[in-house]
Amino acid sequence: MGTLSVGLWIIGAALLAVGYRRARGPWARYQALKEQDANIARYDAWRGGIRDTGQTGASVAMEILRRQAQLGAATAVVGAVMIVLGFAAR
């Protein structure tokens, strides 16, 4: 085991943990907003009303949360790649 391998493992594990923690919160909130939006759409369809398809504050928040979750997931993927590179550098 070389120093490079161990360094890649440590950095990869740290990035994996940080990416997971950064993606978990926004993804959960995004899913909750998405479910709430679907519930409103079902209610409006049941009621027979026409739903405004314009951009709302919730849709903007969903875009921001989705992007934050994607960035966290990308960080976790980079960490996983670094761990694999640590094994390849042996």
PDB file of N, CA and C in Angstrom:
ATOM      1  N   MET A   1       0.838  -1.184   0.000  1.00  0.00           N
ATOM      2  CA  MET A   1       0.000   0.000   0.000  1.00  0.00           C
ATOM      3  C   MET A   1       0.876   1.239   0.000  1.00  0.00           C
ATOM      4  N   GLY A   2       0.706   2.023  -1.015  1.00  0.00           N
ATOM      5  CA  GLY A   2       1.477   3.244  -1.105  1.00  0.00           C
ATOM      6  C   GLY A   2       0.768   4.401  -0.443  1.00  0.00           C
ATOM      7  N   THR A   3       1.528   5.423  -0.246  1.00  0.00           N
ATOM      8  CA  THR A   3       0.976   6.634   0.351  1.00  0.00           C
ATOM      9  C   THR A   3      -0.095   7.242  -0.546  1.00  0.00           C
ATOM     10  N   LEU A   4       0.126   7.135  -1.851  1.00  0.00           N
ATOM     11  CA  LEU A   4      -0.851   7.669  -2.800  1.00  0.00           C
ATOM     12  C   LEU A   4      -2.190   6.949  -2.675  1.00  0.00           C
ATOM     13  N   SER A   5      -2.145   5.630  -2.561  1.00  0.00           N
ATOM     14  CA  SER A   5      -3.380   4.846  -2.437  1.00  0.00           C
ATOM     15  C   SER A   5      -4.146   5.230  -1.182  1.00  0.00           C
ATOM     16  N   VAL A   6      -3.438   5.294  -0.077  1.00  0.00           N
ATOM     17  CA  VAL A   6      -4.097   5.631   1.189  1.00  0.00           C
ATOM     18  C   VAL A   6      -4.660   7.050   1.136  1.00  0.00           C
ATOM     19  N   GLY A   7      -3.913   7.959   0.554  1.00  0.00           N
ATOM     20  CA  GLY A   7      -4.387   9.335   0.418  1.00  0.00           C
ATOM     21  C   GLY A   7      -5.648   9.421  -0.433  1.00  0.00           C
ATOM     22  N   LEU A   8      -5.659   8.679  -1.540  1.00  0.00           N
ATOM     23  CA  LEU A   8      -6.856   8.667  -2.393  1.00  0.00           C
ATOM     24  C   LEU A   8      -8.047   8.060  -1.665  1.00  0.00           C
ATOM     25  N   TRP A   9      -7.829   7.018  -0.883  1.00  0.00           N
ATOM     26  CA  TRP A   9      -8.914   6.391  -0.121  1.00  0.00           C
ATOM     27  C   TRP A   9      -9.497   7.362   0.901  1.00  0.00           C
ATOM     28  N   ILE A  10      -8.619   8.036   1.612  1.00  0.00           N
ATOM     29  CA  ILE A  10      -9.077   8.963   2.653  1.00  0.00           C
ATOM     30  C   ILE A  10      -9.840  10.136   2.037  1.00  0.00           C
ATOM     31  N   ILE A  11      -9.258  10.730   1.008  1.00  0.00           N
ATOM     32  CA  ILE A  11      -9.925  11.855   0.355  1.00  0.00           C
ATOM     33  C   ILE A  11     -11.228  11.399  -0.290  1.00  0.00           C
ATOM     34  N   GLY A  12     -11.207  10.223  -0.923  1.00  0.00           N
ATOM     35  CA  GLY A  12     -12.415   9.693  -1.543  1.00  0.00           C
ATOM     36  C   GLY A  12     -13.509   9.422  -0.533  1.00  0.00           C
ATOM     37  N   ALA A  13     -13.143   8.844   0.600  1.00  0.00           N
ATOM     38  CA  ALA A  13     -14.132   8.568   1.646  1.00  0.00           C
ATOM     39  C   ALA A  13     -14.709   9.867   2.202  1.00  0.00           C
ATOM     40  N   ALA A  14     -13.853  10.865   2.372  1.00  0.00           N
ATOM     41  CA  ALA A  14     -14.327  12.157   2.875  1.00  0.00           C
ATOM     42  C   ALA A  14     -15.293  12.801   1.870  1.00  0.00           C
ATOM     43  N   LEU A  15     -14.938  12.784   0.588  1.00  0.00           N
ATOM     44  CA  LEU A  15     -15.819  13.364  -0.429  1.00  0.00           C
ATOM     45  C   LEU A  15     -17.129  12.588  -0.537  1.00  0.00           C
ATOM     46  N   LEU A  16     -17.053  11.286  -0.397  1.00  0.00           N
ATOM     47  CA  LEU A  16     -18.259  10.465  -0.439  1.00  0.00           C
ATOM     48  C   LEU A  16     -19.200  10.835   0.711  1.00  0.00           C
ATOM     49  N   ALA A  17     -18.650  10.979   1.900  1.00  0.00           N
ATOM     50  CA  ALA A  17     -19.467  11.335   3.067  1.00  0.00           C
ATOM     51  C   ALA A  17     -20.043  12.747   2.932  1.00  0.00           C
ATOM     52  N   VAL A  18     -19.223  13.697   2.508  1.00  0.00           N
ATOM     53  CA  VAL A  18     -19.680  15.076   2.357  1.00  0.00           C
ATOM     54  C   VAL A  18     -20.755  15.165   1.266  1.00  0.00           C
ATOM     55  N   GLY A  19     -20.535  14.480   0.159  1.00  0.00           N
ATOM     56  CA  GLY A  19     -21.512  14.494  -0.924  1.00  0.00           C
ATOM     57  C   GLY A  19     -22.836  13.895  -0.506  1.00  0.00           C
ATOM     58  N   TYR A  20     -22.786  12.799   0.238  1.00  0.00           N
ATOM     59  CA  TYR A  20     -24.021  12.176   0.722  1.00  0.00           C
ATOM     60  C   TYR A  20     -24.783  13.114   1.651  1.00  0.00           C
ATOM     61  N   ARG A  21     -24.070  13.738   2.578  1.00  0.00           N
ATOM     62  CA  ARG A  21     -24.722  14.647   3.525  1.00  0.00           C
ATOM     63  C   ARG A  21     -25.296  15.871   2.822  1.00  0.00           C
ATOM     64  N   ARG A  22     -24.603  16.346   1.792  1.00  0.00           N
ATOM     65  CA  ARG A  22     -25.096  17.526   1.074  1.00  0.00           C
ATOM     66  C   ARG A  22     -26.274  17.200   0.175  1.00  0.00           C
ATOM     67  N   ALA A  23     -26.379  15.970  -0.299  1.00  0.00           N
ATOM     68  CA  ALA A  23     -27.465  15.593  -1.209  1.00  0.00           C
ATOM     69  C   ALA A  23     -28.707  15.138  -0.458  1.00  0.00           C
ATOM     70  N   ARG A  24     -28.541  14.580   0.720  1.00  0.00           N
ATOM     71  CA  ARG A  24     -29.650  13.968   1.451  1.00  0.00           C
ATOM     72  C   ARG A  24     -30.748  14.973   1.817  1.00  0.00           C
ATOM     73  N   GLY A  25     -30.398  16.092   2.388  1.00  0.00           N
ATOM     74  CA  GLY A  25     -31.383  17.083   2.834  1.00  0.00           C
ATOM     75  C   GLY A  25     -32.184  17.698   1.694  1.00  0.00           C
ATOM     76  N   PRO A  26     -31.505  18.252   0.673  1.00  0.00           N
ATOM     77  CA  PRO A  26     -32.267  18.842  -0.440  1.00  0.00           C
ATOM     78  C   PRO A  26     -33.109  17.804  -1.192  1.00  0.00           C
ATOM     79  N   TRP A  27     -32.613  16.564  -1.309  1.00  0.00           N
ATOM     80  CA  TRP A  27     -33.380  15.550  -2.030  1.00  0.00           C
ATOM     81  C   TRP A  27     -34.666  15.219  -1.281  1.00  0.00           C
ATOM     82  N   ALA A  28     -34.589  15.118   0.039  1.00  0.00           N
ATOM     83  CA  ALA A  28     -35.788  14.823   0.832  1.00  0.00           C
ATOM     84  C   ALA A  28     -36.805  15.961   0.717  1.00  0.00           C
ATOM     85  N   ARG A  29     -36.344  17.185   0.785  1.00  0.00           N
ATOM     86  CA  ARG A  29     -37.245  18.335   0.669  1.00  0.00           C
ATOM     87  C   ARG A  29     -37.833  18.438  -0.741  1.00  0.00           C
ATOM     88  N   TYR A  30     -37.017  18.132  -1.755  1.00  0.00           N
ATOM     89  CA  TYR A  30     -37.492  18.127  -3.136  1.00  0.00           C
ATOM     90  C   TYR A  30     -38.606  17.103  -3.314  1.00  0.00           C
ATOM     91  N   GLN A  31     -38.424  15.912  -2.765  1.00  0.00           N
ATOM     92  CA  GLN A  31     -39.444  14.869  -2.878  1.00  0.00           C
ATOM     93  C   GLN A  31     -40.736  15.293  -2.189  1.00  0.00           C
ATOM     94  N   ALA A  32     -40.607  15.958  -1.036  1.00  0.00           N
ATOM     95  CA  ALA A  32     -41.801  16.423  -0.322  1.00  0.00           C
ATOM     96  C   ALA A  32     -42.549  17.483  -1.137  1.00  0.00           C
ATOM     97  N   LEU A  33     -41.817  18.424  -1.728  1.00  0.00           N
ATOM     98  CA  LEU A  33     -42.455  19.450  -2.556  1.00  0.00           C
ATOM     99  C   LEU A  33     -43.076  18.844  -3.812  1.00  0.00           C
ATOM    100  N   LYS A  34     -42.407  17.857  -4.389  1.00  0.00           N
ATOM    101  CA  LYS A  34     -42.940  17.193  -5.576  1.00  0.00           C
ATOM    102  C   LYS A  34     -44.244  16.460  -5.266  1.00  0.00           C
ATOM    103  N   GLU A  35     -44.291  15.801  -4.120  1.00  0.00           N
ATOM    104  CA  GLU A  35     -45.509  15.105  -3.699  1.00  0.00           C
ATOM    105  C   GLU A  35     -46.629  16.103  -3.415  1.00  0.00           C
ATOM    106  N   GLN A  36     -46.286  17.205  -2.795  1.00  0.00           N
ATOM    107  CA  GLN A  36     -47.280  18.234  -2.503  1.00  0.00           C
ATOM    108  C   GLN A  36     -47.830  18.834  -3.801  1.00  0.00           C
ATOM    109  N   ASP A  37     -46.963  19.053  -4.775  1.00  0.00           N
ATOM    110  CA  ASP A  37     -47.393  19.572  -6.063  1.00  0.00           C
ATOM    111  C   ASP A  37     -48.310  18.581  -6.779  1.00  0.00           C
ATOM    112  N   ALA A  38     -47.985  17.303  -6.705  1.00  0.00           N
ATOM    113  CA  ALA A  38     -48.834  16.272  -7.317  1.00  0.00           C
ATOM    114  C   ALA A  38     -50.193  16.213  -6.618  1.00  0.00           C
ATOM    115  N   ASN A  39     -50.196  16.384  -5.309  1.00  0.00           N
ATOM    116  CA  ASN A  39     -51.446  16.382  -4.553  1.00  0.00           C
ATOM    117  C   ASN A  39     -52.330  17.556  -4.971  1.00  0.00           C
ATOM    118  N   ILE A  40     -51.745  18.716  -5.140  1.00  0.00           N
ATOM    119  CA  ILE A  40     -52.498  19.892  -5.577  1.00  0.00           C
ATOM    120  C   ILE A  40     -53.056  19.671  -6.974  1.00  0.00           C
ATOM    121  N   ALA A  41     -52.253  19.056  -7.851  1.00  0.00           N
ATOM    122  CA  ALA A  41     -52.726  18.779  -9.214  1.00  0.00           C
ATOM    123  C   ALA A  41     -53.899  17.809  -9.193  1.00  0.00           C
ATOM    124  N   ARG A  42     -53.834  16.781  -8.346  1.00  0.00           N
ATOM    125  CA  ARG A  42     -54.951  15.833  -8.244  1.00  0.00           C
ATOM    126  C   ARG A  42     -56.208  16.529  -7.717  1.00  0.00           C
ATOM    127  N   TYR A  43     -56.042  17.389  -6.733  1.00  0.00           N
ATOM    128  CA  TYR A  43     -57.184  18.118  -6.173  1.00  0.00           C
ATOM    129  C   TYR A  43     -57.819  19.022  -7.221  1.00  0.00           C
ATOM    130  N   ASP A  44     -56.981  19.743  -7.957  1.00  0.00           N
ATOM    131  CA  ASP A  44     -57.513  20.636  -8.997  1.00  0.00           C
ATOM    132  C   ASP A  44     -58.233  19.839 -10.088  1.00  0.00           C
ATOM    133  N   ALA A  45     -57.686  18.673 -10.439  1.00  0.00           N
ATOM    134  CA  ALA A  45     -58.346  17.840 -11.451  1.00  0.00           C
ATOM    135  C   ALA A  45     -59.685  17.324 -10.933  1.00  0.00           C
ATOM    136  N   TRP A  46     -59.719  16.946  -9.673  1.00  0.00           N
ATOM    137  CA  TRP A  46     -60.958  16.451  -9.071  1.00  0.00           C
ATOM    138  C   TRP A  46     -62.006  17.554  -9.006  1.00  0.00           C
ATOM    139  N   ARG A  47     -61.535  18.755  -8.664  1.00  0.00           N
ATOM    140  CA  ARG A  47     -62.425  19.899  -8.519  1.00  0.00           C
ATOM    141  C   ARG A  47     -62.894  20.418  -9.870  1.00  0.00           C
ATOM    142  N   GLY A  48     -62.164  20.091 -10.897  1.00  0.00           N
ATOM    143  CA  GLY A  48     -62.546  20.533 -12.227  1.00  0.00           C
ATOM    144  C   GLY A  48     -61.990  21.887 -12.603  1.00  0.00           C
ATOM    145  N   GLY A  49     -61.103  22.397 -11.801  1.00  0.00           N
ATOM    146  CA  GLY A  49     -60.522  23.700 -12.085  1.00  0.00           C
ATOM    147  C   GLY A  49     -59.368  23.598 -13.065  1.00  0.00           C
ATOM    148  N   ILE A  50     -59.055  24.723 -13.650  1.00  0.00           N
ATOM    149  CA  ILE A  50     -57.919  24.786 -14.557  1.00  0.00           C
ATOM    150  C   ILE A  50     -56.719  25.257 -13.745  1.00  0.00           C
ATOM    151  N   ARG A  51     -55.665  24.489 -13.821  1.00  0.00           N
ATOM    152  CA  ARG A  51     -54.473  24.808 -13.042  1.00  0.00           C
ATOM    153  C   ARG A  51     -53.555  25.721 -13.836  1.00  0.00           C
ATOM    154  N   ASP A  52     -53.087  26.755 -13.183  1.00  0.00           N
ATOM    155  CA  ASP A  52     -52.129  27.660 -13.805  1.00  0.00           C
ATOM    156  C   ASP A  52     -50.808  26.925 -13.963  1.00  0.00           C
ATOM    157  N   THR A  53     -50.275  26.907 -15.173  1.00  0.00           N
ATOM    158  CA  THR A  53     -49.031  26.176 -15.433  1.00  0.00           C
ATOM    159  C   THR A  53     -47.807  27.080 -15.379  1.00  0.00           C
ATOM    160  N   GLY A  54     -47.963  28.286 -14.914  1.00  0.00           N
ATOM    161  CA  GLY A  54     -46.844  29.214 -14.824  1.00  0.00           C
ATOM    162  C   GLY A  54     -45.877  28.821 -13.710  1.00  0.00           C
ATOM    163  N   GLN A  55     -44.785  29.521 -13.676  1.00  0.00           N
ATOM    164  CA  GLN A  55     -43.760  29.241 -12.678  1.00  0.00           C
ATOM    165  C   GLN A  55     -44.204  29.782 -11.319  1.00  0.00           C
ATOM    166  N   THR A  56     -44.099  28.934 -10.305  1.00  0.00           N
ATOM    167  CA  THR A  56     -44.475  29.323  -8.947  1.00  0.00           C
ATOM    168  C   THR A  56     -43.242  29.334  -8.055  1.00  0.00           C
ATOM    169  N   GLY A  57     -43.418  29.822  -6.862  1.00  0.00           N
ATOM    170  CA  GLY A  57     -42.319  29.812  -5.906  1.00  0.00           C
ATOM    171  C   GLY A  57     -41.892  28.391  -5.567  1.00  0.00           C
ATOM    172  N   ALA A  58     -42.863  27.489  -5.502  1.00  0.00           N
ATOM    173  CA  ALA A  58     -42.540  26.086  -5.200  1.00  0.00           C
ATOM    174  C   ALA A  58     -41.752  25.452  -6.335  1.00  0.00           C
ATOM    175  N   SER A  59     -42.081  25.784  -7.576  1.00  0.00           N
ATOM    176  CA  SER A  59     -41.344  25.198  -8.695  1.00  0.00           C
ATOM    177  C   SER A  59     -39.911  25.724  -8.737  1.00  0.00           C
ATOM    178  N   VAL A  60     -39.725  26.983  -8.386  1.00  0.00           N
ATOM    179  CA  VAL A  60     -38.369  27.540  -8.315  1.00  0.00           C
ATOM    180  C   VAL A  60     -37.590  26.851  -7.195  1.00  0.00           C
ATOM    181  N   ALA A  61     -38.232  26.661  -6.056  1.00  0.00           N
ATOM    182  CA  ALA A  61     -37.575  25.974  -4.942  1.00  0.00           C
ATOM    183  C   ALA A  61     -37.220  24.541  -5.324  1.00  0.00           C
ATOM    184  N   MET A  62     -38.106  23.884  -6.070  1.00  0.00           N
ATOM    185  CA  MET A  62     -37.823  22.512  -6.499  1.00  0.00           C
ATOM    186  C   MET A  62     -36.622  22.468  -7.426  1.00  0.00           C
ATOM    187  N   GLU A  63     -36.486  23.438  -8.319  1.00  0.00           N
ATOM    188  CA  GLU A  63     -35.323  23.497  -9.209  1.00  0.00           C
ATOM    189  C   GLU A  63     -34.035  23.693  -8.417  1.00  0.00           C
ATOM    190  N   ILE A  64     -34.073  24.585  -7.438  1.00  0.00           N
ATOM    191  CA  ILE A  64     -32.889  24.851  -6.610  1.00  0.00           C
ATOM    192  C   ILE A  64     -32.520  23.616  -5.796  1.00  0.00           C
ATOM    193  N   LEU A  65     -33.510  22.984  -5.180  1.00  0.00           N
ATOM    194  CA  LEU A  65     -33.239  21.791  -4.380  1.00  0.00           C
ATOM    195  C   LEU A  65     -32.720  20.644  -5.234  1.00  0.00           C
ATOM    196  N   ARG A  66     -33.287  20.486  -6.424  1.00  0.00           N
ATOM    197  CA  ARG A  66     -32.814  19.426  -7.318  1.00  0.00           C
ATOM    198  C   ARG A  66     -31.360  19.670  -7.704  1.00  0.00           C
ATOM    199  N   ARG A  67     -31.018  20.914  -7.984  1.00  0.00           N
ATOM    200  CA  ARG A  67     -29.634  21.245  -8.355  1.00  0.00           C
ATOM    201  C   ARG A  67     -28.681  20.999  -7.181  1.00  0.00           C
ATOM    202  N   GLN A  68     -29.090  21.365  -5.974  1.00  0.00           N
ATOM    203  CA  GLN A  68     -28.253  21.117  -4.804  1.00  0.00           C
ATOM    204  C   GLN A  68     -28.037  19.618  -4.593  1.00  0.00           C
ATOM    205  N   ALA A  69     -29.090  18.842  -4.786  1.00  0.00           N
ATOM    206  CA  ALA A  69     -28.968  17.386  -4.643  1.00  0.00           C
ATOM    207  C   ALA A  69     -28.057  16.812  -5.718  1.00  0.00           C
ATOM    208  N   GLN A  70     -28.142  17.342  -6.929  1.00  0.00           N
ATOM    209  CA  GLN A  70     -27.275  16.874  -8.010  1.00  0.00           C
ATOM    210  C   GLN A  70     -25.811  17.188  -7.720  1.00  0.00           C
ATOM    211  N   LEU A  71     -25.546  18.373  -7.176  1.00  0.00           N
ATOM    212  CA  LEU A  71     -24.165  18.724  -6.842  1.00  0.00           C
ATOM    213  C   LEU A  71     -23.624  17.836  -5.724  1.00  0.00           C
ATOM    214  N   GLY A  72     -24.455  17.547  -4.732  1.00  0.00           N
ATOM    215  CA  GLY A  72     -24.031  16.642  -3.668  1.00  0.00           C
ATOM    216  C   GLY A  72     -23.770  15.244  -4.190  1.00  0.00           C
ATOM    217  N   ALA A  73     -24.627  14.764  -5.080  1.00  0.00           N
ATOM    218  CA  ALA A  73     -24.436  13.438  -5.666  1.00  0.00           C
ATOM    219  C   ALA A  73     -23.175  13.401  -6.528  1.00  0.00           C
ATOM    220  N   ALA A  74     -22.907  14.473  -7.254  1.00  0.00           N
ATOM    221  CA  ALA A  74     -21.692  14.536  -8.073  1.00  0.00           C
ATOM    222  C   ALA A  74     -20.448  14.505  -7.190  1.00  0.00           C
ATOM    223  N   THR A  75     -20.504  15.176  -6.063  1.00  0.00           N
ATOM    224  CA  THR A  75     -19.382  15.143  -5.117  1.00  0.00           C
ATOM    225  C   THR A  75     -19.166  13.725  -4.603  1.00  0.00           C
ATOM    226  N   ALA A  76     -20.249  13.023  -4.295  1.00  0.00           N
ATOM    227  CA  ALA A  76     -20.145  11.639  -3.820  1.00  0.00           C
ATOM    228  C   ALA A  76     -19.580  10.734  -4.908  1.00  0.00           C
ATOM    229  N   VAL A  77     -19.963  10.961  -6.148  1.00  0.00           N
ATOM    230  CA  VAL A  77     -19.442  10.153  -7.252  1.00  0.00           C
ATOM    231  C   VAL A  77     -17.945  10.385  -7.428  1.00  0.00           C
ATOM    232  N   VAL A  78     -17.519  11.634  -7.323  1.00  0.00           N
ATOM    233  CA  VAL A  78     -16.080  11.930  -7.406  1.00  0.00           C
ATOM    234  C   VAL A  78     -15.343  11.214  -6.279  1.00  0.00           C
ATOM    235  N   GLY A  79     -15.923  11.189  -5.082  1.00  0.00           N
ATOM    236  CA  GLY A  79     -15.315  10.462  -3.979  1.00  0.00           C
ATOM    237  C   GLY A  79     -15.209   8.982  -4.264  1.00  0.00           C
ATOM    238  N   ALA A  80     -16.254   8.392  -4.844  1.00  0.00           N
ATOM    239  CA  ALA A  80     -16.223   6.969  -5.179  1.00  0.00           C
ATOM    240  C   ALA A  80     -15.161   6.682  -6.236  1.00  0.00           C
ATOM    241  N   VAL A  81     -15.039   7.570  -7.212  1.00  0.00           N
ATOM    242  CA  VAL A  81     -14.017   7.399  -8.249  1.00  0.00           C
ATOM    243  C   VAL A  81     -12.627   7.474  -7.631  1.00  0.00           C
ATOM    244  N   MET A  82     -12.434   8.364  -6.684  1.00  0.00           N
ATOM    245  CA  MET A  82     -11.123   8.475  -6.031  1.00  0.00           C
ATOM    246  C   MET A  82     -10.799   7.215  -5.234  1.00  0.00           C
ATOM    247  N   ILE A  83     -11.795   6.603  -4.620  1.00  0.00           N
ATOM    248  CA  ILE A  83     -11.567   5.358  -3.898  1.00  0.00           C
ATOM    249  C   ILE A  83     -11.147   4.265  -4.873  1.00  0.00           C
ATOM    250  N   VAL A  84     -11.826   4.180  -6.015  1.00  0.00           N
ATOM    251  CA  VAL A  84     -11.461   3.186  -7.020  1.00  0.00           C
ATOM    252  C   VAL A  84     -10.053   3.459  -7.556  1.00  0.00           C
ATOM    253  N   LEU A  85      -9.730   4.727  -7.774  1.00  0.00           N
ATOM    254  CA  LEU A  85      -8.376   5.072  -8.216  1.00  0.00           C
ATOM    255  C   LEU A  85      -7.338   4.697  -7.166  1.00  0.00           C
ATOM    256  N   GLY A  86      -7.716   4.785  -5.896  1.00  0.00           N
ATOM    257  CA  GLY A  86      -6.800   4.370  -4.828  1.00  0.00           C
ATOM    258  C   GLY A  86      -6.496   2.885  -4.915  1.00  0.00           C
ATOM    259  N   PHE A  87      -7.492   2.081  -5.247  1.00  0.00           N
ATOM    260  CA  PHE A  87      -7.244   0.653  -5.431  1.00  0.00           C
ATOM    261  C   PHE A  87      -6.429   0.392  -6.688  1.00  0.00           C
ATOM    262  N   ALA A  88      -6.663   1.174  -7.727  1.00  0.00           N
ATOM    263  CA  ALA A  88      -5.912   0.992  -8.987  1.00  0.00           C
ATOM    264  C   ALA A  88      -4.473   1.441  -8.857  1.00  0.00           C
ATOM    265  N   ALA A  89      -4.198   2.357  -7.944  1.00  0.00           N
ATOM    266  CA  ALA A  89      -2.843   2.886  -7.777  1.00  0.00           C
ATOM    267  C   ALA A  89      -1.953   1.959  -6.956  1.00  0.00           C
ATOM    268  N   ARG A  90      -2.485   0.890  -6.470  1.00  0.00           N
ATOM    269  CA  ARG A  90      -1.685  -0.052  -5.663  1.00  0.00           C
ATOM    270  C   ARG A  90      -0.553  -0.529  -6.440  1.00  0.00           C
TER     271      ARG A  90
END
